[in-house]
Every structure is written in C-alpha cells, then in structure tokens.
Amino acid sequence: MYQHQFTCGSEVPFGLGKVVCVGRNYADHTAELNNPVPEEPLLFIKPATSVVSMAEPIHLPLGRGSCHFEGELALLIGKRLSNANVAEAPGAIAGLGLSLDLTLRDLQTKLKKAGQPWEKAKGFDKSCPLSPFVKLDWLPDWDKLSYYLWLNGELRQQGKTENMLTPILDLVAYISSYFTLEPGDVVLTGTPAGVGELHHGDKLSMQLEDDWLQVETQVA
C-alpha cells in the first residue's frame, strides 16, 4: 500500500488524500495537443487509488489504447487550507516531489469530443506514480524551479515553473477556493511539452533541480 515518504528518511505524519491536478498549465503543452489556452486553471481530481510509488514498474492498461506519460512537479500538502490567499499558500506546502500523470490519450480524446469528463482517462488505477518528497525546511524560489524527464536516455521534458500559466502559489490558493486541501493531499502542477506514448520496456528518469531528487521507473 502506498505511503508518502520524505527523501531525508523522516516520517511523513499523515496518510494519502486526494490528488488535485491542473491541466494546460504550460502554453507549449497546450499547443502540442492543439488545445485552447484556458482563461483560469483547469482542475480535475485523481482518486487515492490512482497513486503508487514511482519505484514500482508501470503496467500499461490492456485494451484501452495509447497511454502517455506527463511528467509533473508535485506538491505535498501538510496543512489544512481553505479559501486561502497567496500569502497563506507557502505554509501549507510540506514537500516537493515528482510525478507522472499517466493518461489514456485515445480515451481522453474520445471523451473530450463527447463533452464528457476525463476521469476514466486520467484517474484509473495506478495512473499517478509519485516520487518521495523533498521536505521543505526552507522556502524555495517558487518561480525558479526546474525539473526534467528522460525517456530511454533522451531528454523529453524540461519544466520551468517560471513558464507556468498559473504560478504555484496562485494555483494552490485557487484550488483551495474550490476544494479544501488537507494534510496528505497532493497537487500536480501541470506538464510542459514533450509528452508521448509509453511502450513495454521503456525506461523513464526524472530529476528535480540539479541534485534535489532523482528517480527512475520502467514500463513492465
């Protein structure tokens, strides 16, 4: 069973909650999928059953079309936050991590064309691999964070928070105006361009900053 972990080895004092995701938060990714740029954050939720450790191999769902990777910066919530302002947001973030928002792209396209919700394409079991979290004992420069994703040794995604359409702290405050954030919840902050289809045997590597966090996983 999944349990949040800090990279420093200290215990995370709360269990897993919901995962709140934001779609189309990077203009380059929005363009690569020919989607309109949203006027405000586009939110959706992955259930707790979608979460697994990134140390586990990825198992592609059978008979459901192509499954795409979307590398994202993940925020671990450590304090209850409801209807918060931007100044209150930093105190609620307990850790920074990396995540994969696995997406059944063919199914998502079908659902979008029918004007239906995306949950079946985004929230299926084990669709949210998470890394351990870097414990925040300091306040980072939220607008100057970088992360990277390599597929089979090729750099495919490079996310810079300065390129987010809705910056991290504004995003957390906005989410709290609709969904109360509780300790153990996770926020996925959106994916940059470079997403693509996964195949059996693929190896993925992700890195936060130069040396904050490095993780690897493989498609079974």
C-alpha atoms as a PDB file:
ATOM      1  CA  MET A   1       0.000   0.000   0.000  1.00  0.00           C
ATOM      2  CA  TYR A   2       1.304   3.438  -0.897  1.00  0.00           C
ATOM      3  CA  GLN A   3       2.620   5.717   1.854  1.00  0.00           C
ATOM      4  CA  HIS A   4       4.089   9.193   1.442  1.00  0.00           C
ATOM      5  CA  GLN A   5       7.857   9.333   2.068  1.00  0.00           C
ATOM      6  CA  PHE A   6      10.415  12.101   2.569  1.00  0.00           C
ATOM      7  CA  THR A   7      13.785  11.748   0.856  1.00  0.00           C
ATOM      8  CA  CYS A   8      15.572  12.537   4.144  1.00  0.00           C
ATOM      9  CA  GLY A   9      14.125   9.406   5.723  1.00  0.00           C
ATOM     10  CA  SER A  10      11.952  11.230   8.248  1.00  0.00           C
ATOM     11  CA  GLU A  11       8.402  10.014   8.620  1.00  0.00           C
ATOM     12  CA  VAL A  12       5.537  11.777   6.878  1.00  0.00           C
ATOM     13  CA  PRO A  13       2.996  12.258   9.683  1.00  0.00           C
ATOM     14  CA  PHE A  14      -0.104  11.974   7.512  1.00  0.00           C
ATOM     15  CA  GLY A  15      -1.537   9.491   5.046  1.00  0.00           C
ATOM     16  CA  LEU A  16      -2.596   9.781   1.435  1.00  0.00           C
ATOM     17  CA  GLY A  17      -5.517  12.003   0.492  1.00  0.00           C
ATOM     18  CA  LYS A  18      -6.784  13.193  -2.862  1.00  0.00           C
ATOM     19  CA  VAL A  19      -4.705  14.332  -5.834  1.00  0.00           C
ATOM     20  CA  VAL A  20      -5.740  17.656  -7.376  1.00  0.00           C
ATOM     21  CA  CYS A  21      -4.383  18.175 -10.888  1.00  0.00           C
ATOM     22  CA  VAL A  22      -4.232  21.145 -13.229  1.00  0.00           C
ATOM     23  CA  GLY A  23      -4.494  20.760 -16.971  1.00  0.00           C
ATOM     24  CA  ARG A  24      -2.928  23.008 -19.612  1.00  0.00           C
ATOM     25  CA  ASN A  25      -0.719  24.974 -17.216  1.00  0.00           C
ATOM     26  CA  TYR A  26       2.110  25.259 -19.770  1.00  0.00           C
ATOM     27  CA  ALA A  27       1.382  27.017 -23.052  1.00  0.00           C
ATOM     28  CA  ASP A  28       3.783  24.782 -25.017  1.00  0.00           C
ATOM     29  CA  HIS A  29       1.977  21.605 -23.922  1.00  0.00           C
ATOM     30  CA  THR A  30      -1.393  23.189 -24.650  1.00  0.00           C
ATOM     31  CA  ALA A  31      -0.162  23.930 -28.164  1.00  0.00           C
ATOM     32  CA  GLU A  32       1.268  20.468 -28.819  1.00  0.00           C
ATOM     33  CA  LEU A  33      -2.157  18.907 -28.183  1.00  0.00           C
ATOM     34  CA  ASN A  34      -3.991  21.648 -30.110  1.00  0.00           C
ATOM     35  CA  ASN A  35      -5.984  22.681 -27.053  1.00  0.00           C
ATOM     36  CA  PRO A  36      -7.239  26.193 -26.300  1.00  0.00           C
ATOM     37  CA  VAL A  37      -5.438  28.087 -23.534  1.00  0.00           C
ATOM     38  CA  PRO A  38      -7.748  28.167 -20.503  1.00  0.00           C
ATOM     39  CA  GLU A  39      -8.749  31.515 -19.019  1.00  0.00           C
ATOM     40  CA  GLU A  40      -8.407  30.099 -15.492  1.00  0.00           C
ATOM     41  CA  PRO A  41      -6.881  26.898 -14.033  1.00  0.00           C
ATOM     42  CA  LEU A  42      -8.433  23.719 -15.392  1.00  0.00           C
ATOM     43  CA  LEU A  43      -8.790  21.366 -12.417  1.00  0.00           C
ATOM     44  CA  PHE A  44      -9.522  17.660 -12.099  1.00  0.00           C
ATOM     45  CA  ILE A  45      -9.014  15.068  -9.361  1.00  0.00           C
ATOM     46  CA  LYS A  46      -7.342  11.693  -9.305  1.00  0.00           C
ATOM     47  CA  PRO A  47      -8.584   9.341  -6.565  1.00  0.00           C
ATOM     48  CA  ALA A  48      -6.264   7.876  -3.935  1.00  0.00           C
ATOM     49  CA  THR A  49      -6.445   4.529  -5.755  1.00  0.00           C
ATOM     50  CA  SER A  50      -4.540   6.091  -8.663  1.00  0.00           C
ATOM     51  CA  VAL A  51      -1.411   6.649  -6.556  1.00  0.00           C
ATOM     52  CA  VAL A  52       1.556   4.273  -6.499  1.00  0.00           C
ATOM     53  CA  SER A  53       5.236   4.660  -5.705  1.00  0.00           C
ATOM     54  CA  MET A  54       7.369   5.601  -8.683  1.00  0.00           C
ATOM     55  CA  ALA A  55       9.715   2.823  -7.575  1.00  0.00           C
ATOM     56  CA  GLU A  56       7.151   0.313  -8.849  1.00  0.00           C
ATOM     57  CA  PRO A  57       7.097  -0.665 -12.537  1.00  0.00           C
ATOM     58  CA  ILE A  58       4.403   0.859 -14.717  1.00  0.00           C
ATOM     59  CA  HIS A  59       1.808  -1.580 -16.041  1.00  0.00           C
ATOM     60  CA  LEU A  60       0.023  -0.325 -19.145  1.00  0.00           C
ATOM     61  CA  PRO A  61      -3.751  -0.900 -19.111  1.00  0.00           C
ATOM     62  CA  LEU A  62      -4.681  -3.579 -21.624  1.00  0.00           C
ATOM     63  CA  GLY A  63      -7.079  -2.886 -24.464  1.00  0.00           C
ATOM     64  CA  ARG A  64      -7.514   0.823 -23.705  1.00  0.00           C
ATOM     65  CA  GLY A  65      -5.417   2.436 -26.395  1.00  0.00           C
ATOM     66  CA  SER A  66      -2.291   4.517 -26.032  1.00  0.00           C
ATOM     67  CA  CYS A  67      -1.012   5.501 -22.588  1.00  0.00           C
ATOM     68  CA  HIS A  68       1.011   8.727 -22.442  1.00  0.00           C
ATOM     69  CA  PHE A  69       3.437   9.988 -19.815  1.00  0.00           C
ATOM     70  CA  GLU A  70       3.159  13.533 -18.464  1.00  0.00           C
ATOM     71  CA  GLY A  71       5.933  14.500 -16.054  1.00  0.00           C
ATOM     72  CA  GLU A  72       4.928  16.990 -13.389  1.00  0.00           C
ATOM     73  CA  LEU A  73       6.124  18.779 -10.267  1.00  0.00           C
ATOM     74  CA  ALA A  74       4.147  17.537  -7.253  1.00  0.00           C
ATOM     75  CA  LEU A  75       3.346  19.410  -4.034  1.00  0.00           C
ATOM     76  CA  LEU A  76       2.690  17.596  -0.761  1.00  0.00           C
ATOM     77  CA  ILE A  77       0.156  19.438   1.376  1.00  0.00           C
ATOM     78  CA  GLY A  78       0.922  19.466   5.084  1.00  0.00           C
ATOM     79  CA  LYS A  79      -1.606  21.932   6.490  1.00  0.00           C
ATOM     80  CA  ARG A  80      -5.343  22.403   6.012  1.00  0.00           C
ATOM     81  CA  LEU A  81      -6.057  25.163   3.518  1.00  0.00           C
ATOM     82  CA  SER A  82      -9.466  26.529   2.564  1.00  0.00           C
ATOM     83  CA  ASN A  83     -10.314  29.762   0.729  1.00  0.00           C
ATOM     84  CA  ALA A  84      -6.708  30.839   1.223  1.00  0.00           C
ATOM     85  CA  ASN A  85      -4.875  33.783  -0.239  1.00  0.00           C
ATOM     86  CA  VAL A  86      -1.474  33.594  -1.936  1.00  0.00           C
ATOM     87  CA  ALA A  87       0.369  34.657   1.237  1.00  0.00           C
ATOM     88  CA  GLU A  88      -1.064  31.659   3.121  1.00  0.00           C
ATOM     89  CA  ALA A  89      -0.163  29.080   0.465  1.00  0.00           C
ATOM     90  CA  PRO A  90       3.570  28.550   1.242  1.00  0.00           C
ATOM     91  CA  GLY A  91       2.868  27.458   4.816  1.00  0.00           C
ATOM     92  CA  ALA A  92       0.654  24.635   3.581  1.00  0.00           C
ATOM     93  CA  ILE A  93       3.257  23.001   1.302  1.00  0.00           C
ATOM     94  CA  ALA A  94       5.264  20.383   3.194  1.00  0.00           C
ATOM     95  CA  GLY A  95       7.281  18.883   0.342  1.00  0.00           C
ATOM     96  CA  LEU A  96       8.241  18.921  -3.319  1.00  0.00           C
ATOM     97  CA  GLY A  97       8.289  15.812  -5.460  1.00  0.00           C
ATOM     98  CA  LEU A  98       7.916  14.468  -8.985  1.00  0.00           C
ATOM     99  CA  SER A  99       5.029  12.630 -10.547  1.00  0.00           C
ATOM    100  CA  LEU A 100       3.716  11.014 -13.688  1.00  0.00           C
ATOM    101  CA  ASP A 101       0.201  11.861 -14.794  1.00  0.00           C
ATOM    102  CA  LEU A 102      -0.438   8.769 -16.898  1.00  0.00           C
ATOM    103  CA  THR A 103      -3.130   9.427 -19.481  1.00  0.00           C
ATOM    104  CA  LEU A 104      -5.122   7.129 -21.728  1.00  0.00           C
ATOM    105  CA  ARG A 105      -4.834   9.527 -24.655  1.00  0.00           C
ATOM    106  CA  ASP A 106      -7.175   7.800 -27.125  1.00  0.00           C
ATOM    107  CA  LEU A 107      -9.860   7.554 -24.459  1.00  0.00           C
ATOM    108  CA  GLN A 108      -9.316  11.154 -23.360  1.00  0.00           C
ATOM    109  CA  THR A 109      -9.708  12.362 -26.935  1.00  0.00           C
ATOM    110  CA  LYS A 110     -12.944  10.405 -27.277  1.00  0.00           C
ATOM    111  CA  LEU A 111     -14.299  11.801 -24.007  1.00  0.00           C
ATOM    112  CA  LYS A 112     -13.345  15.372 -24.924  1.00  0.00           C
ATOM    113  CA  LYS A 113     -15.115  15.113 -28.286  1.00  0.00           C
ATOM    114  CA  ALA A 114     -18.254  13.896 -26.496  1.00  0.00           C
ATOM    115  CA  GLY A 115     -18.033  16.696 -23.934  1.00  0.00           C
ATOM    116  CA  GLN A 116     -17.648  14.196 -21.118  1.00  0.00           C
ATOM    117  CA  PRO A 117     -15.381  14.257 -18.023  1.00  0.00           C
ATOM    118  CA  TRP A 118     -11.832  12.885 -18.255  1.00  0.00           C
ATOM    119  CA  GLU A 119     -11.777  10.735 -15.110  1.00  0.00           C
ATOM    120  CA  LYS A 120     -11.657   7.370 -16.901  1.00  0.00           C
ATOM    121  CA  ALA A 121      -8.645   8.547 -18.910  1.00  0.00           C
ATOM    122  CA  LYS A 122      -6.840  10.257 -16.018  1.00  0.00           C
ATOM    123  CA  GLY A 123      -7.897   8.635 -12.743  1.00  0.00           C
ATOM    124  CA  PHE A 124      -7.633   4.923 -13.472  1.00  0.00           C
ATOM    125  CA  ASP A 125      -5.830   2.633 -11.005  1.00  0.00           C
ATOM    126  CA  LYS A 126      -2.057   3.300 -10.719  1.00  0.00           C
ATOM    127  CA  SER A 127      -2.215   6.302 -13.046  1.00  0.00           C
ATOM    128  CA  CYS A 128      -0.311   8.546 -10.632  1.00  0.00           C
ATOM    129  CA  PRO A 129       3.211   7.309  -9.801  1.00  0.00           C
ATOM    130  CA  LEU A 130       4.781   9.574  -7.151  1.00  0.00           C
ATOM    131  CA  SER A 131       8.376  10.036  -6.021  1.00  0.00           C
ATOM    132  CA  PRO A 132       9.435  10.616  -2.412  1.00  0.00           C
ATOM    133  CA  PHE A 133       9.138  14.255  -1.365  1.00  0.00           C
ATOM    134  CA  VAL A 134      11.904  16.700  -0.528  1.00  0.00           C
ATOM    135  CA  LYS A 135      10.992  18.020   2.918  1.00  0.00           C
ATOM    136  CA  LEU A 136      10.662  21.794   2.899  1.00  0.00           C
ATOM    137  CA  ASP A 137      12.532  23.214   5.871  1.00  0.00           C
ATOM    138  CA  TRP A 138      13.024  26.421   3.850  1.00  0.00           C
ATOM    139  CA  LEU A 139      11.082  28.419   1.288  1.00  0.00           C
ATOM    140  CA  PRO A 140      12.303  27.870  -2.269  1.00  0.00           C
ATOM    141  CA  ASP A 141      12.022  30.400  -5.048  1.00  0.00           C
ATOM    142  CA  TRP A 142       8.743  29.032  -6.351  1.00  0.00           C
ATOM    143  CA  ASP A 143       9.106  30.720  -9.742  1.00  0.00           C
ATOM    144  CA  LYS A 144      12.633  29.419 -10.421  1.00  0.00           C
ATOM    145  CA  LEU A 145      12.259  25.648 -10.048  1.00  0.00           C
ATOM    146  CA  SER A 146      13.218  23.235 -12.831  1.00  0.00           C
ATOM    147  CA  TYR A 147      12.641  19.549 -13.431  1.00  0.00           C
ATOM    148  CA  TYR A 148      13.430  17.120 -16.235  1.00  0.00           C
ATOM    149  CA  LEU A 149      12.195  13.841 -17.723  1.00  0.00           C
ATOM    150  CA  TRP A 150      14.218  11.450 -19.891  1.00  0.00           C
ATOM    151  CA  LEU A 151      12.670   8.600 -21.877  1.00  0.00           C
ATOM    152  CA  ASN A 152      15.175   5.857 -22.710  1.00  0.00           C
ATOM    153  CA  GLY A 153      18.004   8.321 -22.138  1.00  0.00           C
ATOM    154  CA  GLU A 154      16.557  11.090 -24.337  1.00  0.00           C
ATOM    155  CA  LEU A 155      15.545  14.360 -22.667  1.00  0.00           C
ATOM    156  CA  ARG A 156      11.855  14.735 -23.449  1.00  0.00           C
ATOM    157  CA  GLN A 157      10.512  17.250 -20.952  1.00  0.00           C
ATOM    158  CA  GLN A 158      12.002  20.245 -19.197  1.00  0.00           C
ATOM    159  CA  GLY A 159       9.646  22.047 -16.862  1.00  0.00           C
ATOM    160  CA  LYS A 160      10.368  25.517 -15.527  1.00  0.00           C
ATOM    161  CA  THR A 161       7.920  26.952 -13.042  1.00  0.00           C
ATOM    162  CA  GLU A 162       8.506  30.441 -14.443  1.00  0.00           C
ATOM    163  CA  ASN A 163       6.691  29.239 -17.578  1.00  0.00           C
ATOM    164  CA  MET A 164       3.523  28.166 -15.752  1.00  0.00           C
ATOM    165  CA  LEU A 165       0.388  29.989 -16.848  1.00  0.00           C
ATOM    166  CA  THR A 166      -0.741  29.983 -13.210  1.00  0.00           C
ATOM    167  CA  PRO A 167       2.209  30.150 -10.782  1.00  0.00           C
ATOM    168  CA  ILE A 168       2.469  27.636  -7.943  1.00  0.00           C
ATOM    169  CA  LEU A 169       1.272  29.780  -5.046  1.00  0.00           C
ATOM    170  CA  ASP A 170      -1.578  31.306  -7.054  1.00  0.00           C
ATOM    171  CA  LEU A 171      -2.554  27.783  -8.110  1.00  0.00           C
ATOM    172  CA  VAL A 172      -2.644  26.420  -4.550  1.00  0.00           C
ATOM    173  CA  ALA A 173      -4.719  29.374  -3.365  1.00  0.00           C
ATOM    174  CA  TYR A 174      -7.093  28.979  -6.314  1.00  0.00           C
ATOM    175  CA  ILE A 175      -7.551  25.252  -5.671  1.00  0.00           C
ATOM    176  CA  SER A 176      -8.347  25.917  -2.004  1.00  0.00           C
ATOM    177  CA  SER A 177     -11.237  28.143  -3.055  1.00  0.00           C
ATOM    178  CA  TYR A 178     -12.960  25.095  -4.573  1.00  0.00           C
ATOM    179  CA  PHE A 179     -11.513  22.077  -2.750  1.00  0.00           C
ATOM    180  CA  THR A 180     -10.307  22.279   0.833  1.00  0.00           C
ATOM    181  CA  LEU A 181      -6.764  20.920   0.867  1.00  0.00           C
ATOM    182  CA  GLU A 182      -5.965  18.560   3.726  1.00  0.00           C
ATOM    183  CA  PRO A 183      -2.655  17.144   5.039  1.00  0.00           C
ATOM    184  CA  GLY A 184      -1.676  14.274   2.772  1.00  0.00           C
ATOM    185  CA  ASP A 185      -3.282  15.725  -0.340  1.00  0.00           C
ATOM    186  CA  VAL A 186      -1.083  16.170  -3.408  1.00  0.00           C
ATOM    187  CA  VAL A 187      -1.215  18.888  -6.060  1.00  0.00           C
ATOM    188  CA  LEU A 188       0.106  18.149  -9.555  1.00  0.00           C
ATOM    189  CA  THR A 189       1.056  21.444 -11.155  1.00  0.00           C
ATOM    190  CA  GLY A 190       0.821  20.656 -14.877  1.00  0.00           C
ATOM    191  CA  THR A 191       3.093  19.278 -17.567  1.00  0.00           C
ATOM    192  CA  PRO A 192       5.305  21.003 -20.165  1.00  0.00           C
ATOM    193  CA  ALA A 193       5.628  19.975 -23.806  1.00  0.00           C
ATOM    194  CA  GLY A 194       7.235  16.676 -24.742  1.00  0.00           C
ATOM    195  CA  VAL A 195       4.635  14.149 -23.621  1.00  0.00           C
ATOM    196  CA  GLY A 196       4.389  10.893 -25.513  1.00  0.00           C
ATOM    197  CA  GLU A 197       3.259   7.303 -25.702  1.00  0.00           C
ATOM    198  CA  LEU A 198       4.723   4.614 -23.457  1.00  0.00           C
ATOM    199  CA  HIS A 199       5.716   1.130 -24.623  1.00  0.00           C
ATOM    200  CA  HIS A 200       6.739  -2.045 -22.838  1.00  0.00           C
ATOM    201  CA  GLY A 201      10.355  -1.855 -21.698  1.00  0.00           C
ATOM    202  CA  ASP A 202      10.596   1.957 -21.728  1.00  0.00           C
ATOM    203  CA  LYS A 203      12.745   3.498 -19.002  1.00  0.00           C
ATOM    204  CA  LEU A 204      11.912   6.890 -17.511  1.00  0.00           C
ATOM    205  CA  SER A 205      14.170   9.077 -15.381  1.00  0.00           C
ATOM    206  CA  MET A 206      13.172  12.300 -13.648  1.00  0.00           C
ATOM    207  CA  GLN A 207      15.183  14.933 -11.828  1.00  0.00           C
ATOM    208  CA  LEU A 208      14.254  17.933  -9.679  1.00  0.00           C
ATOM    209  CA  GLU A 209      16.765  20.778  -9.890  1.00  0.00           C
ATOM    210  CA  ASP A 210      20.382  19.604 -10.250  1.00  0.00           C
ATOM    211  CA  ASP A 211      20.548  17.391  -7.188  1.00  0.00           C
ATOM    212  CA  TRP A 212      17.401  17.686  -5.082  1.00  0.00           C
ATOM    213  CA  LEU A 213      15.802  14.480  -6.296  1.00  0.00           C
ATOM    214  CA  GLN A 214      16.377  11.788  -8.916  1.00  0.00           C
ATOM    215  CA  VAL A 215      14.035   8.865  -9.602  1.00  0.00           C
ATOM    216  CA  GLU A 216      13.683   6.129 -12.199  1.00  0.00           C
ATOM    217  CA  THR A 217      10.937   3.772 -13.258  1.00  0.00           C
ATOM    218  CA  GLN A 218      10.302   1.304 -16.078  1.00  0.00           C
ATOM    219  CA  VAL A 219       7.342   0.098 -18.088  1.00  0.00           C
ATOM    220  CA  ALA A 220       6.841  -3.607 -17.399  1.00  0.00           C
END
